[in-house]
Amino acid sequence: MSVAGINEQNHAAKPSFSWLRGATGPLIGLIGLCLFLSFATDTFLSTRNGLNILDQITVLGIMSVGMTFVILIGGIDLSVGSVLALSMMVMGWTANVAGLPLGIGIIFGLAASAVSGLLVGLMVTMFRVPAFIATLAMMSAARGVANMITDGQQIVGFPDWFMMLAIDRHFGILTATVFLMLVVVIVAWAFLQLRAEGRMLYAVGGNQEVARLAGINVTRVTIAVYICCAMLAGLAGIVLAARLDSVQPSSGFGYELDTIAAVVIGGTSLSGGAGGIGGTLIGVLIIGVLRNGLNLLNVSPFIQQVIIGVVIVLAVGAETVRRKRG
């Protein structure tokens, strides 16, 4: 795969080196939202609430990184919520039923999610199944397997050290799970910005045929991206298990929509080839802050769903207007 070939791609497929990457609007929206909630509630603008928001977005943040990769290449993944549940259940069964060390269970859970991503990647590339259909099928299959593992029952109780990963604040600020999310975000940002392999994602999303002529193995890139997305969903499931001190096959329902919403709100184009991790982080924060603020304002959960939907429509509409002007 020629780096020179990648660098010959048009500017639409090349990443700029701004960490925001088209997310200036969402950033302004996030600041405005924080200002509004600071005046609307007495408890929003506090250190404790800020740390709570970080704790609440860890799962969404990790999953959204993988979804960013998928959407950058022009794909979509509706299976991440089910893969999250599958990873949790495999880990829980391995550790609590089979009696193996929890570390081995974590490895097995991540391996199960990687296999799910591999199958999706093969369906999309080898069998030319549209990504929407392939991931919809995996969403159903992974959820079914997650339920089969324990016949739909939850598994409760893990070692104290595992639960403390999501509770103990190091230096009184960050839990290990929040730190893990930040590491994932930073590594993903560096990969997209500084590595030729990261720029390949923009090339594939910008124009697959041009990317192929430039020497990029589009099939290999696509499969690798779906595996990465699935493994990050599995990692998010392990983080969620640490927060709950339990695993259940019903976990992750609706997470695929929140994940896609965070990426789109952050400015990543659904048509692929434009966007970035910085914008996704802002999108995750917008959803986290919005939910937190609405809870502080005692807004009904049903109304919250409507508001989140409106925000997604506005974000997509803003992207469309921006692309037409560009």
C-alpha atoms as a PDB file:
ATOM      1  CA  MET A   1       0.000   0.000   0.000  1.00  0.00           C
ATOM      2  CA  SER A   2       1.665   3.154  -1.228  1.00  0.00           C
ATOM      3  CA  VAL A   3       1.739   6.169   1.076  1.00  0.00           C
ATOM      4  CA  ALA A   4       2.456   8.304  -1.969  1.00  0.00           C
ATOM      5  CA  GLY A   5      -0.676   6.926  -3.577  1.00  0.00           C
ATOM      6  CA  ILE A   6      -2.718   7.874  -0.565  1.00  0.00           C
ATOM      7  CA  ASN A   7      -1.319  11.390  -0.567  1.00  0.00           C
ATOM      8  CA  GLU A   8      -2.507  11.829  -4.153  1.00  0.00           C
ATOM      9  CA  GLN A   9      -6.142  11.558  -3.063  1.00  0.00           C
ATOM     10  CA  ASN A  10      -8.330  14.620  -3.457  1.00  0.00           C
ATOM     11  CA  HIS A  11      -8.689  17.040  -0.555  1.00  0.00           C
ATOM     12  CA  ALA A  12     -12.145  15.676   0.311  1.00  0.00           C
ATOM     13  CA  ALA A  13     -10.562  12.378   1.252  1.00  0.00           C
ATOM     14  CA  LYS A  14      -7.543  13.832   3.051  1.00  0.00           C
ATOM     15  CA  PRO A  15      -7.768  14.674   6.738  1.00  0.00           C
ATOM     16  CA  SER A  16      -6.820  18.094   7.910  1.00  0.00           C
ATOM     17  CA  PHE A  17      -4.696  18.188  11.026  1.00  0.00           C
ATOM     18  CA  SER A  18      -7.207  20.112  13.070  1.00  0.00           C
ATOM     19  CA  TRP A  19      -8.471  18.004  15.935  1.00  0.00           C
ATOM     20  CA  LEU A  20     -11.933  19.509  15.505  1.00  0.00           C
ATOM     21  CA  ARG A  21     -12.276  18.493  11.841  1.00  0.00           C
ATOM     22  CA  GLY A  22     -15.513  20.282  10.949  1.00  0.00           C
ATOM     23  CA  ALA A  23     -16.861  20.148  14.512  1.00  0.00           C
ATOM     24  CA  THR A  24     -16.655  23.852  15.281  1.00  0.00           C
ATOM     25  CA  GLY A  25     -20.447  24.140  15.181  1.00  0.00           C
ATOM     26  CA  PRO A  26     -21.009  21.236  17.614  1.00  0.00           C
ATOM     27  CA  LEU A  27     -18.338  22.680  19.931  1.00  0.00           C
ATOM     28  CA  ILE A  28     -20.169  26.016  20.017  1.00  0.00           C
ATOM     29  CA  GLY A  29     -23.386  24.104  20.672  1.00  0.00           C
ATOM     30  CA  LEU A  30     -21.760  22.209  23.552  1.00  0.00           C
ATOM     31  CA  ILE A  31     -20.520  25.438  25.128  1.00  0.00           C
ATOM     32  CA  GLY A  32     -23.956  27.038  24.729  1.00  0.00           C
ATOM     33  CA  LEU A  33     -25.640  23.980  26.257  1.00  0.00           C
ATOM     34  CA  CYS A  34     -23.287  24.069  29.259  1.00  0.00           C
ATOM     35  CA  LEU A  35     -23.938  27.777  29.761  1.00  0.00           C
ATOM     36  CA  PHE A  36     -27.702  27.286  29.631  1.00  0.00           C
ATOM     37  CA  LEU A  37     -27.655  24.392  32.109  1.00  0.00           C
ATOM     38  CA  SER A  38     -25.334  26.340  34.417  1.00  0.00           C
ATOM     39  CA  PHE A  39     -28.026  29.003  34.804  1.00  0.00           C
ATOM     40  CA  ALA A  40     -30.996  26.602  34.672  1.00  0.00           C
ATOM     41  CA  THR A  41     -29.819  24.317  37.500  1.00  0.00           C
ATOM     42  CA  ASP A  42     -27.903  24.802  40.731  1.00  0.00           C
ATOM     43  CA  THR A  43     -25.982  21.530  40.567  1.00  0.00           C
ATOM     44  CA  PHE A  44     -24.813  21.284  36.945  1.00  0.00           C
ATOM     45  CA  LEU A  45     -21.712  23.449  37.264  1.00  0.00           C
ATOM     46  CA  SER A  46     -19.962  21.444  39.958  1.00  0.00           C
ATOM     47  CA  THR A  47     -16.928  19.202  40.044  1.00  0.00           C
ATOM     48  CA  ARG A  48     -18.943  16.248  41.251  1.00  0.00           C
ATOM     49  CA  ASN A  49     -21.476  16.539  38.432  1.00  0.00           C
ATOM     50  CA  GLY A  50     -18.716  16.966  35.869  1.00  0.00           C
ATOM     51  CA  LEU A  51     -17.041  13.772  37.041  1.00  0.00           C
ATOM     52  CA  ASN A  52     -20.402  11.996  36.982  1.00  0.00           C
ATOM     53  CA  ILE A  53     -20.863  12.995  33.344  1.00  0.00           C
ATOM     54  CA  LEU A  54     -17.435  11.556  32.501  1.00  0.00           C
ATOM     55  CA  ASP A  55     -18.363   8.301  34.240  1.00  0.00           C
ATOM     56  CA  GLN A  56     -21.658   8.151  32.352  1.00  0.00           C
ATOM     57  CA  ILE A  57     -20.145   8.598  28.889  1.00  0.00           C
ATOM     58  CA  THR A  58     -17.356   6.016  29.142  1.00  0.00           C
ATOM     59  CA  VAL A  59     -19.294   3.228  27.404  1.00  0.00           C
ATOM     60  CA  LEU A  60     -20.674   5.526  24.706  1.00  0.00           C
ATOM     61  CA  GLY A  61     -17.277   7.167  24.204  1.00  0.00           C
ATOM     62  CA  ILE A  62     -15.443   3.882  23.587  1.00  0.00           C
ATOM     63  CA  MET A  63     -18.127   2.577  21.231  1.00  0.00           C
ATOM     64  CA  SER A  64     -18.270   5.849  19.295  1.00  0.00           C
ATOM     65  CA  VAL A  65     -14.582   5.627  18.398  1.00  0.00           C
ATOM     66  CA  GLY A  66     -15.195   2.360  16.559  1.00  0.00           C
ATOM     67  CA  MET A  67     -18.325   3.748  14.910  1.00  0.00           C
ATOM     68  CA  THR A  68     -16.318   6.751  13.708  1.00  0.00           C
ATOM     69  CA  PHE A  69     -13.960   4.423  11.854  1.00  0.00           C
ATOM     70  CA  VAL A  70     -16.877   2.590  10.234  1.00  0.00           C
ATOM     71  CA  ILE A  71     -18.704   5.735   9.147  1.00  0.00           C
ATOM     72  CA  LEU A  72     -15.449   7.262   7.838  1.00  0.00           C
ATOM     73  CA  ILE A  73     -15.186   4.434   5.284  1.00  0.00           C
ATOM     74  CA  GLY A  74     -18.805   4.975   4.289  1.00  0.00           C
ATOM     75  CA  GLY A  75     -20.222   2.074   6.313  1.00  0.00           C
ATOM     76  CA  ILE A  76     -22.614   1.647   9.214  1.00  0.00           C
ATOM     77  CA  ASP A  77     -22.790  -0.807  12.126  1.00  0.00           C
ATOM     78  CA  LEU A  78     -26.109  -1.534  13.799  1.00  0.00           C
ATOM     79  CA  SER A  79     -24.773  -4.516  15.757  1.00  0.00           C
ATOM     80  CA  VAL A  80     -22.615  -2.738  18.345  1.00  0.00           C
ATOM     81  CA  GLY A  81     -25.218  -2.897  21.133  1.00  0.00           C
ATOM     82  CA  SER A  82     -25.700  -6.643  20.664  1.00  0.00           C
ATOM     83  CA  VAL A  83     -21.951  -7.256  20.380  1.00  0.00           C
ATOM     84  CA  LEU A  84     -21.540  -5.371  23.652  1.00  0.00           C
ATOM     85  CA  ALA A  85     -23.989  -7.772  25.303  1.00  0.00           C
ATOM     86  CA  LEU A  86     -22.301 -10.811  23.724  1.00  0.00           C
ATOM     87  CA  SER A  87     -18.887  -9.769  25.019  1.00  0.00           C
ATOM     88  CA  MET A  88     -20.291  -9.233  28.520  1.00  0.00           C
ATOM     89  CA  MET A  89     -22.007 -12.605  28.596  1.00  0.00           C
ATOM     90  CA  VAL A  90     -18.986 -14.517  27.282  1.00  0.00           C
ATOM     91  CA  MET A  91     -16.795 -12.849  29.902  1.00  0.00           C
ATOM     92  CA  GLY A  92     -19.307 -13.510  32.696  1.00  0.00           C
ATOM     93  CA  TRP A  93     -19.882 -17.147  31.741  1.00  0.00           C
ATOM     94  CA  THR A  94     -16.154 -17.851  31.415  1.00  0.00           C
ATOM     95  CA  ALA A  95     -15.343 -16.334  34.804  1.00  0.00           C
ATOM     96  CA  ASN A  96     -18.382 -17.199  36.942  1.00  0.00           C
ATOM     97  CA  VAL A  97     -19.651 -20.428  35.396  1.00  0.00           C
ATOM     98  CA  ALA A  98     -16.605 -22.054  33.817  1.00  0.00           C
ATOM     99  CA  GLY A  99     -14.476 -20.884  36.748  1.00  0.00           C
ATOM    100  CA  LEU A 100     -11.591 -19.465  34.748  1.00  0.00           C
ATOM    101  CA  PRO A 101      -9.756 -16.290  35.868  1.00  0.00           C
ATOM    102  CA  LEU A 102     -11.595 -13.080  35.035  1.00  0.00           C
ATOM    103  CA  GLY A 103      -8.651 -11.940  32.911  1.00  0.00           C
ATOM    104  CA  ILE A 104      -9.167 -14.968  30.666  1.00  0.00           C
ATOM    105  CA  GLY A 105     -12.870 -14.155  30.526  1.00  0.00           C
ATOM    106  CA  ILE A 106     -12.089 -10.617  29.344  1.00  0.00           C
ATOM    107  CA  ILE A 107      -9.875 -12.015  26.572  1.00  0.00           C
ATOM    108  CA  PHE A 108     -12.612 -14.450  25.512  1.00  0.00           C
ATOM    109  CA  GLY A 109     -15.184 -11.658  25.504  1.00  0.00           C
ATOM    110  CA  LEU A 110     -13.010  -9.486  23.263  1.00  0.00           C
ATOM    111  CA  ALA A 111     -12.318 -12.494  21.027  1.00  0.00           C
ATOM    112  CA  ALA A 112     -16.053 -13.128  20.631  1.00  0.00           C
ATOM    113  CA  SER A 113     -16.614  -9.522  19.616  1.00  0.00           C
ATOM    114  CA  ALA A 114     -13.701  -9.701  17.154  1.00  0.00           C
ATOM    115  CA  VAL A 115     -15.242 -12.770  15.508  1.00  0.00           C
ATOM    116  CA  SER A 116     -18.530 -10.859  15.169  1.00  0.00           C
ATOM    117  CA  GLY A 117     -16.726  -7.991  13.455  1.00  0.00           C
ATOM    118  CA  LEU A 118     -14.860 -10.391  11.183  1.00  0.00           C
ATOM    119  CA  LEU A 119     -18.111 -12.032  10.059  1.00  0.00           C
ATOM    120  CA  VAL A 120     -19.642  -8.644   9.294  1.00  0.00           C
ATOM    121  CA  GLY A 121     -16.546  -7.576   7.378  1.00  0.00           C
ATOM    122  CA  LEU A 122     -16.603 -10.757   5.314  1.00  0.00           C
ATOM    123  CA  MET A 123     -20.308 -10.350   4.530  1.00  0.00           C
ATOM    124  CA  VAL A 124     -19.754  -6.768   3.388  1.00  0.00           C
ATOM    125  CA  THR A 125     -16.623  -7.406   1.307  1.00  0.00           C
ATOM    126  CA  MET A 126     -16.754 -11.008   0.089  1.00  0.00           C
ATOM    127  CA  PHE A 127     -20.493 -11.484  -0.299  1.00  0.00           C
ATOM    128  CA  ARG A 128     -21.329  -7.845  -1.147  1.00  0.00           C
ATOM    129  CA  VAL A 129     -24.065  -7.678   1.479  1.00  0.00           C
ATOM    130  CA  PRO A 130     -24.973  -4.035   2.217  1.00  0.00           C
ATOM    131  CA  ALA A 131     -23.532  -2.949   5.557  1.00  0.00           C
ATOM    132  CA  PHE A 132     -27.005  -2.081   6.841  1.00  0.00           C
ATOM    133  CA  ILE A 133     -28.264  -5.625   6.213  1.00  0.00           C
ATOM    134  CA  ALA A 134     -25.088  -7.385   7.367  1.00  0.00           C
ATOM    135  CA  THR A 135     -24.962  -5.536  10.676  1.00  0.00           C
ATOM    136  CA  LEU A 136     -28.719  -5.862  11.158  1.00  0.00           C
ATOM    137  CA  ALA A 137     -28.308  -9.639  10.838  1.00  0.00           C
ATOM    138  CA  MET A 138     -25.392  -9.597  13.286  1.00  0.00           C
ATOM    139  CA  MET A 139     -27.433  -7.483  15.696  1.00  0.00           C
ATOM    140  CA  SER A 140     -30.029 -10.245  15.867  1.00  0.00           C
ATOM    141  CA  ALA A 141     -27.552 -13.141  15.885  1.00  0.00           C
ATOM    142  CA  ALA A 142     -25.268 -11.695  18.579  1.00  0.00           C
ATOM    143  CA  ARG A 143     -28.226 -10.866  20.793  1.00  0.00           C
ATOM    144  CA  GLY A 144     -29.537 -14.405  20.363  1.00  0.00           C
ATOM    145  CA  VAL A 145     -26.203 -15.985  21.285  1.00  0.00           C
ATOM    146  CA  ALA A 146     -25.897 -13.670  24.299  1.00  0.00           C
ATOM    147  CA  ASN A 147     -29.266 -14.947  25.534  1.00  0.00           C
ATOM    148  CA  MET A 148     -28.416 -18.578  24.798  1.00  0.00           C
ATOM    149  CA  ILE A 149     -25.292 -18.505  26.962  1.00  0.00           C
ATOM    150  CA  THR A 150     -27.291 -18.297  30.219  1.00  0.00           C
ATOM    151  CA  ASP A 151     -30.800 -18.890  28.911  1.00  0.00           C
ATOM    152  CA  GLY A 152     -31.520 -15.183  29.283  1.00  0.00           C
ATOM    153  CA  GLN A 153     -30.363 -14.963  32.908  1.00  0.00           C
ATOM    154  CA  GLN A 154     -27.980 -12.366  34.302  1.00  0.00           C
ATOM    155  CA  ILE A 155     -24.705 -13.182  36.030  1.00  0.00           C
ATOM    156  CA  VAL A 156     -23.941 -11.217  39.176  1.00  0.00           C
ATOM    157  CA  GLY A 157     -20.793 -10.783  41.246  1.00  0.00           C
ATOM    158  CA  PHE A 158     -17.210 -10.231  40.144  1.00  0.00           C
ATOM    159  CA  PRO A 159     -13.948  -9.697  42.052  1.00  0.00           C
ATOM    160  CA  ASP A 160     -13.747  -6.458  43.994  1.00  0.00           C
ATOM    161  CA  TRP A 161     -10.804  -5.199  41.943  1.00  0.00           C
ATOM    162  CA  PHE A 162     -12.930  -5.373  38.792  1.00  0.00           C
ATOM    163  CA  MET A 163     -15.779  -3.338  40.237  1.00  0.00           C
ATOM    164  CA  MET A 164     -13.332  -0.792  41.687  1.00  0.00           C
ATOM    165  CA  LEU A 165     -12.136   0.021  38.168  1.00  0.00           C
ATOM    166  CA  ALA A 166     -15.335   2.024  37.734  1.00  0.00           C
ATOM    167  CA  ILE A 167     -15.546   3.369  41.303  1.00  0.00           C
ATOM    168  CA  ASP A 168     -12.099   4.262  42.656  1.00  0.00           C
ATOM    169  CA  ARG A 169     -11.071   7.773  41.561  1.00  0.00           C
ATOM    170  CA  HIS A 170      -7.322   8.012  41.167  1.00  0.00           C
ATOM    171  CA  PHE A 171      -5.978  11.294  42.544  1.00  0.00           C
ATOM    172  CA  GLY A 172      -9.616  12.008  43.403  1.00  0.00           C
ATOM    173  CA  ILE A 173     -10.458  12.697  39.758  1.00  0.00           C
ATOM    174  CA  LEU A 174     -10.549   9.872  37.198  1.00  0.00           C
ATOM    175  CA  THR A 175     -11.643   6.272  37.485  1.00  0.00           C
ATOM    176  CA  ALA A 176      -9.732   3.620  35.569  1.00  0.00           C
ATOM    177  CA  THR A 177     -12.640   3.242  33.132  1.00  0.00           C
ATOM    178  CA  VAL A 178     -12.648   6.966  32.291  1.00  0.00           C
ATOM    179  CA  PHE A 179      -8.874   6.832  31.863  1.00  0.00           C
ATOM    180  CA  LEU A 180      -9.322   3.869  29.509  1.00  0.00           C
ATOM    181  CA  MET A 181     -11.825   5.835  27.408  1.00  0.00           C
ATOM    182  CA  LEU A 182      -9.408   8.775  27.162  1.00  0.00           C
ATOM    183  CA  VAL A 183      -6.574   6.457  26.106  1.00  0.00           C
ATOM    184  CA  VAL A 184      -8.787   4.921  23.397  1.00  0.00           C
ATOM    185  CA  VAL A 185      -9.730   8.388  22.138  1.00  0.00           C
ATOM    186  CA  ILE A 186      -6.131   9.649  22.068  1.00  0.00           C
ATOM    187  CA  VAL A 187      -4.786   6.519  20.356  1.00  0.00           C
ATOM    188  CA  ALA A 188      -7.572   6.656  17.752  1.00  0.00           C
ATOM    189  CA  TRP A 189      -6.929  10.359  17.100  1.00  0.00           C
ATOM    190  CA  ALA A 190      -3.189   9.732  16.670  1.00  0.00           C
ATOM    191  CA  PHE A 191      -3.909   6.794  14.351  1.00  0.00           C
ATOM    192  CA  LEU A 192      -6.113   8.862  12.041  1.00  0.00           C
ATOM    193  CA  GLN A 193      -3.866  11.925  12.072  1.00  0.00           C
ATOM    194  CA  LEU A 194      -0.356  10.513  12.105  1.00  0.00           C
ATOM    195  CA  ARG A 195      -0.469   7.104  10.447  1.00  0.00           C
ATOM    196  CA  ALA A 196      -0.748   6.311   6.744  1.00  0.00           C
ATOM    197  CA  GLU A 197      -3.116   3.484   7.671  1.00  0.00           C
ATOM    198  CA  GLY A 198      -5.414   6.030   9.301  1.00  0.00           C
ATOM    199  CA  ARG A 199      -5.455   8.184   6.179  1.00  0.00           C
ATOM    200  CA  MET A 200      -6.484   5.106   4.226  1.00  0.00           C
ATOM    201  CA  LEU A 201      -9.866   5.253   5.978  1.00  0.00           C
ATOM    202  CA  TYR A 202     -10.489   8.722   4.547  1.00  0.00           C
ATOM    203  CA  ALA A 203      -9.395   7.566   1.098  1.00  0.00           C
ATOM    204  CA  VAL A 204     -11.732   4.549   1.172  1.00  0.00           C
ATOM    205  CA  GLY A 205     -14.625   6.662   2.400  1.00  0.00           C
ATOM    206  CA  GLY A 206     -13.941   9.399  -0.145  1.00  0.00           C
ATOM    207  CA  ASN A 207     -13.884   7.107  -3.174  1.00  0.00           C
ATOM    208  CA  GLN A 208     -13.296   3.362  -3.013  1.00  0.00           C
ATOM    209  CA  GLU A 209     -12.304   3.033  -6.666  1.00  0.00           C
ATOM    210  CA  VAL A 210      -9.744   5.834  -6.459  1.00  0.00           C
ATOM    211  CA  ALA A 211      -8.408   4.317  -3.231  1.00  0.00           C
ATOM    212  CA  ARG A 212      -8.076   0.949  -4.941  1.00  0.00           C
ATOM    213  CA  LEU A 213      -6.190   2.507  -7.869  1.00  0.00           C
ATOM    214  CA  ALA A 214      -3.883   4.195  -5.351  1.00  0.00           C
ATOM    215  CA  GLY A 215      -2.833   0.761  -4.121  1.00  0.00           C
ATOM    216  CA  ILE A 216      -5.040   0.459  -1.045  1.00  0.00           C
ATOM    217  CA  ASN A 217      -6.451  -2.980  -0.278  1.00  0.00           C
ATOM    218  CA  VAL A 218     -10.023  -1.793   0.298  1.00  0.00           C
ATOM    219  CA  THR A 219     -11.227  -5.248   1.332  1.00  0.00           C
ATOM    220  CA  ARG A 220      -8.570  -5.600   4.023  1.00  0.00           C
ATOM    221  CA  VAL A 221      -9.187  -2.081   5.333  1.00  0.00           C
ATOM    222  CA  THR A 222     -12.949  -2.642   5.498  1.00  0.00           C
ATOM    223  CA  ILE A 223     -12.648  -5.949   7.360  1.00  0.00           C
ATOM    224  CA  ALA A 224     -10.121  -4.471   9.797  1.00  0.00           C
ATOM    225  CA  VAL A 225     -12.413  -1.512  10.515  1.00  0.00           C
ATOM    226  CA  TYR A 226     -15.404  -3.723  11.317  1.00  0.00           C
ATOM    227  CA  ILE A 227     -13.259  -5.928  13.566  1.00  0.00           C
ATOM    228  CA  CYS A 228     -11.964  -2.842  15.383  1.00  0.00           C
ATOM    229  CA  CYS A 229     -15.477  -1.450  15.818  1.00  0.00           C
ATOM    230  CA  ALA A 230     -16.726  -4.755  17.220  1.00  0.00           C
ATOM    231  CA  MET A 231     -13.787  -5.108  19.609  1.00  0.00           C
ATOM    232  CA  LEU A 232     -14.324  -1.600  20.934  1.00  0.00           C
ATOM    233  CA  ALA A 233     -17.995  -2.472  21.463  1.00  0.00           C
ATOM    234  CA  GLY A 234     -16.822  -5.552  23.354  1.00  0.00           C
ATOM    235  CA  LEU A 235     -14.433  -3.448  25.425  1.00  0.00           C
ATOM    236  CA  ALA A 236     -17.298  -1.072  26.204  1.00  0.00           C
ATOM    237  CA  GLY A 237     -19.298  -4.083  27.386  1.00  0.00           C
ATOM    238  CA  ILE A 238     -16.543  -5.021  29.812  1.00  0.00           C
ATOM    239  CA  VAL A 239     -16.480  -1.445  31.106  1.00  0.00           C
ATOM    240  CA  LEU A 240     -20.250  -1.573  31.566  1.00  0.00           C
ATOM    241  CA  ALA A 241     -19.931  -4.863  33.456  1.00  0.00           C
ATOM    242  CA  ALA A 242     -17.460  -3.233  35.825  1.00  0.00           C
ATOM    243  CA  ARG A 243     -19.886  -0.374  36.450  1.00  0.00           C
ATOM    244  CA  LEU A 244     -22.850  -2.696  37.085  1.00  0.00           C
ATOM    245  CA  ASP A 245     -20.975  -5.569  38.768  1.00  0.00           C
ATOM    246  CA  SER A 246     -23.159  -7.834  36.645  1.00  0.00           C
ATOM    247  CA  VAL A 247     -23.782  -8.899  33.055  1.00  0.00           C
ATOM    248  CA  GLN A 248     -27.114  -9.459  31.350  1.00  0.00           C
ATOM    249  CA  PRO A 249     -28.044 -10.306  27.760  1.00  0.00           C
ATOM    250  CA  SER A 250     -30.449  -7.376  27.507  1.00  0.00           C
ATOM    251  CA  SER A 251     -27.633  -4.838  27.914  1.00  0.00           C
ATOM    252  CA  GLY A 252     -26.873  -2.502  25.052  1.00  0.00           C
ATOM    253  CA  PHE A 253     -30.381  -2.020  23.637  1.00  0.00           C
ATOM    254  CA  GLY A 254     -30.454   1.285  21.776  1.00  0.00           C
ATOM    255  CA  TYR A 255     -26.719   1.888  22.118  1.00  0.00           C
ATOM    256  CA  GLU A 256     -26.236   1.630  18.360  1.00  0.00           C
ATOM    257  CA  LEU A 257     -28.486   4.664  17.874  1.00  0.00           C
ATOM    258  CA  ASP A 258     -26.713   6.702  20.545  1.00  0.00           C
ATOM    259  CA  THR A 259     -23.349   5.766  19.051  1.00  0.00           C
ATOM    260  CA  ILE A 260     -24.312   6.769  15.520  1.00  0.00           C
ATOM    261  CA  ALA A 261     -25.890   9.950  16.896  1.00  0.00           C
ATOM    262  CA  ALA A 262     -22.687  10.932  18.725  1.00  0.00           C
ATOM    263  CA  VAL A 263     -20.603  10.455  15.581  1.00  0.00           C
ATOM    264  CA  VAL A 264     -23.014  12.370  13.332  1.00  0.00           C
ATOM    265  CA  ILE A 265     -23.515  15.196  15.836  1.00  0.00           C
ATOM    266  CA  GLY A 266     -19.714  15.482  15.975  1.00  0.00           C
ATOM    267  CA  GLY A 267     -19.581  16.288  12.264  1.00  0.00           C
ATOM    268  CA  THR A 268     -18.566  12.990  10.663  1.00  0.00           C
ATOM    269  CA  SER A 269     -20.261  12.626   7.285  1.00  0.00           C
ATOM    270  CA  LEU A 270     -22.581   9.638   6.871  1.00  0.00           C
ATOM    271  CA  SER A 271     -21.389   9.377   3.270  1.00  0.00           C
ATOM    272  CA  GLY A 272     -17.829   8.781   4.505  1.00  0.00           C
ATOM    273  CA  GLY A 273     -14.475  10.436   3.934  1.00  0.00           C
ATOM    274  CA  ALA A 274     -14.887  13.379   6.318  1.00  0.00           C
ATOM    275  CA  GLY A 275     -14.881  13.708  10.092  1.00  0.00           C
ATOM    276  CA  GLY A 276     -12.700  12.727  12.998  1.00  0.00           C
ATOM    277  CA  ILE A 277     -12.283  11.645  16.583  1.00  0.00           C
ATOM    278  CA  GLY A 278     -12.252  15.180  18.010  1.00  0.00           C
ATOM    279  CA  GLY A 279     -15.725  15.829  16.639  1.00  0.00           C
ATOM    280  CA  THR A 280     -16.960  12.467  17.905  1.00  0.00           C
ATOM    281  CA  LEU A 281     -15.746  13.293  21.419  1.00  0.00           C
ATOM    282  CA  ILE A 282     -17.714  16.538  21.257  1.00  0.00           C
ATOM    283  CA  GLY A 283     -20.767  14.604  20.057  1.00  0.00           C
ATOM    284  CA  VAL A 284     -20.438  12.173  22.971  1.00  0.00           C
ATOM    285  CA  LEU A 285     -20.149  15.076  25.399  1.00  0.00           C
ATOM    286  CA  ILE A 286     -23.220  16.775  23.899  1.00  0.00           C
ATOM    287  CA  ILE A 287     -25.323  13.647  24.417  1.00  0.00           C
ATOM    288  CA  GLY A 288     -23.903  13.103  27.917  1.00  0.00           C
ATOM    289  CA  VAL A 289     -24.361  16.714  29.001  1.00  0.00           C
ATOM    290  CA  LEU A 290     -27.828  16.892  27.452  1.00  0.00           C
ATOM    291  CA  ARG A 291     -29.016  13.751  29.237  1.00  0.00           C
ATOM    292  CA  ASN A 292     -27.460  14.835  32.507  1.00  0.00           C
ATOM    293  CA  GLY A 293     -28.992  18.299  32.278  1.00  0.00           C
ATOM    294  CA  LEU A 294     -32.430  16.999  31.354  1.00  0.00           C
ATOM    295  CA  ASN A 295     -32.303  14.657  34.346  1.00  0.00           C
ATOM    296  CA  LEU A 296     -31.366  17.561  36.608  1.00  0.00           C
ATOM    297  CA  LEU A 297     -34.336  19.484  35.181  1.00  0.00           C
ATOM    298  CA  ASN A 298     -36.594  16.464  35.897  1.00  0.00           C
ATOM    299  CA  VAL A 299     -37.544  16.075  32.240  1.00  0.00           C
ATOM    300  CA  SER A 300     -39.385  12.846  31.420  1.00  0.00           C
ATOM    301  CA  PRO A 301     -37.214  10.118  29.808  1.00  0.00           C
ATOM    302  CA  PHE A 302     -39.721   9.925  26.964  1.00  0.00           C
ATOM    303  CA  ILE A 303     -39.355  13.640  26.247  1.00  0.00           C
ATOM    304  CA  GLN A 304     -35.583  13.191  26.431  1.00  0.00           C
ATOM    305  CA  GLN A 305     -35.774  10.710  23.552  1.00  0.00           C
ATOM    306  CA  VAL A 306     -37.678  13.249  21.474  1.00  0.00           C
ATOM    307  CA  ILE A 307     -35.128  15.971  22.236  1.00  0.00           C
ATOM    308  CA  ILE A 308     -32.194  13.699  21.327  1.00  0.00           C
ATOM    309  CA  GLY A 309     -33.963  12.883  18.045  1.00  0.00           C
ATOM    310  CA  VAL A 310     -34.412  16.563  17.248  1.00  0.00           C
ATOM    311  CA  VAL A 311     -30.721  17.198  17.962  1.00  0.00           C
ATOM    312  CA  ILE A 312     -29.736  14.422  15.536  1.00  0.00           C
ATOM    313  CA  VAL A 313     -31.950  15.853  12.785  1.00  0.00           C
ATOM    314  CA  LEU A 314     -30.488  19.324  13.319  1.00  0.00           C
ATOM    315  CA  ALA A 315     -26.941  17.931  13.195  1.00  0.00           C
ATOM    316  CA  VAL A 316     -27.559  16.054   9.935  1.00  0.00           C
ATOM    317  CA  GLY A 317     -29.298  19.100   8.472  1.00  0.00           C
ATOM    318  CA  ALA A 318     -26.347  21.307   9.404  1.00  0.00           C
ATOM    319  CA  GLU A 319     -23.970  18.829   7.741  1.00  0.00           C
ATOM    320  CA  THR A 320     -26.052  18.886   4.550  1.00  0.00           C
ATOM    321  CA  VAL A 321     -26.050  22.683   4.423  1.00  0.00           C
ATOM    322  CA  ARG A 322     -22.300  22.767   5.078  1.00  0.00           C
ATOM    323  CA  ARG A 323     -21.599  20.302   2.255  1.00  0.00           C
ATOM    324  CA  LYS A 324     -23.737  22.284  -0.214  1.00  0.00           C
ATOM    325  CA  ARG A 325     -21.939  25.508   0.658  1.00  0.00           C
ATOM    326  CA  GLY A 326     -18.607  23.733   0.404  1.00  0.00           C
END
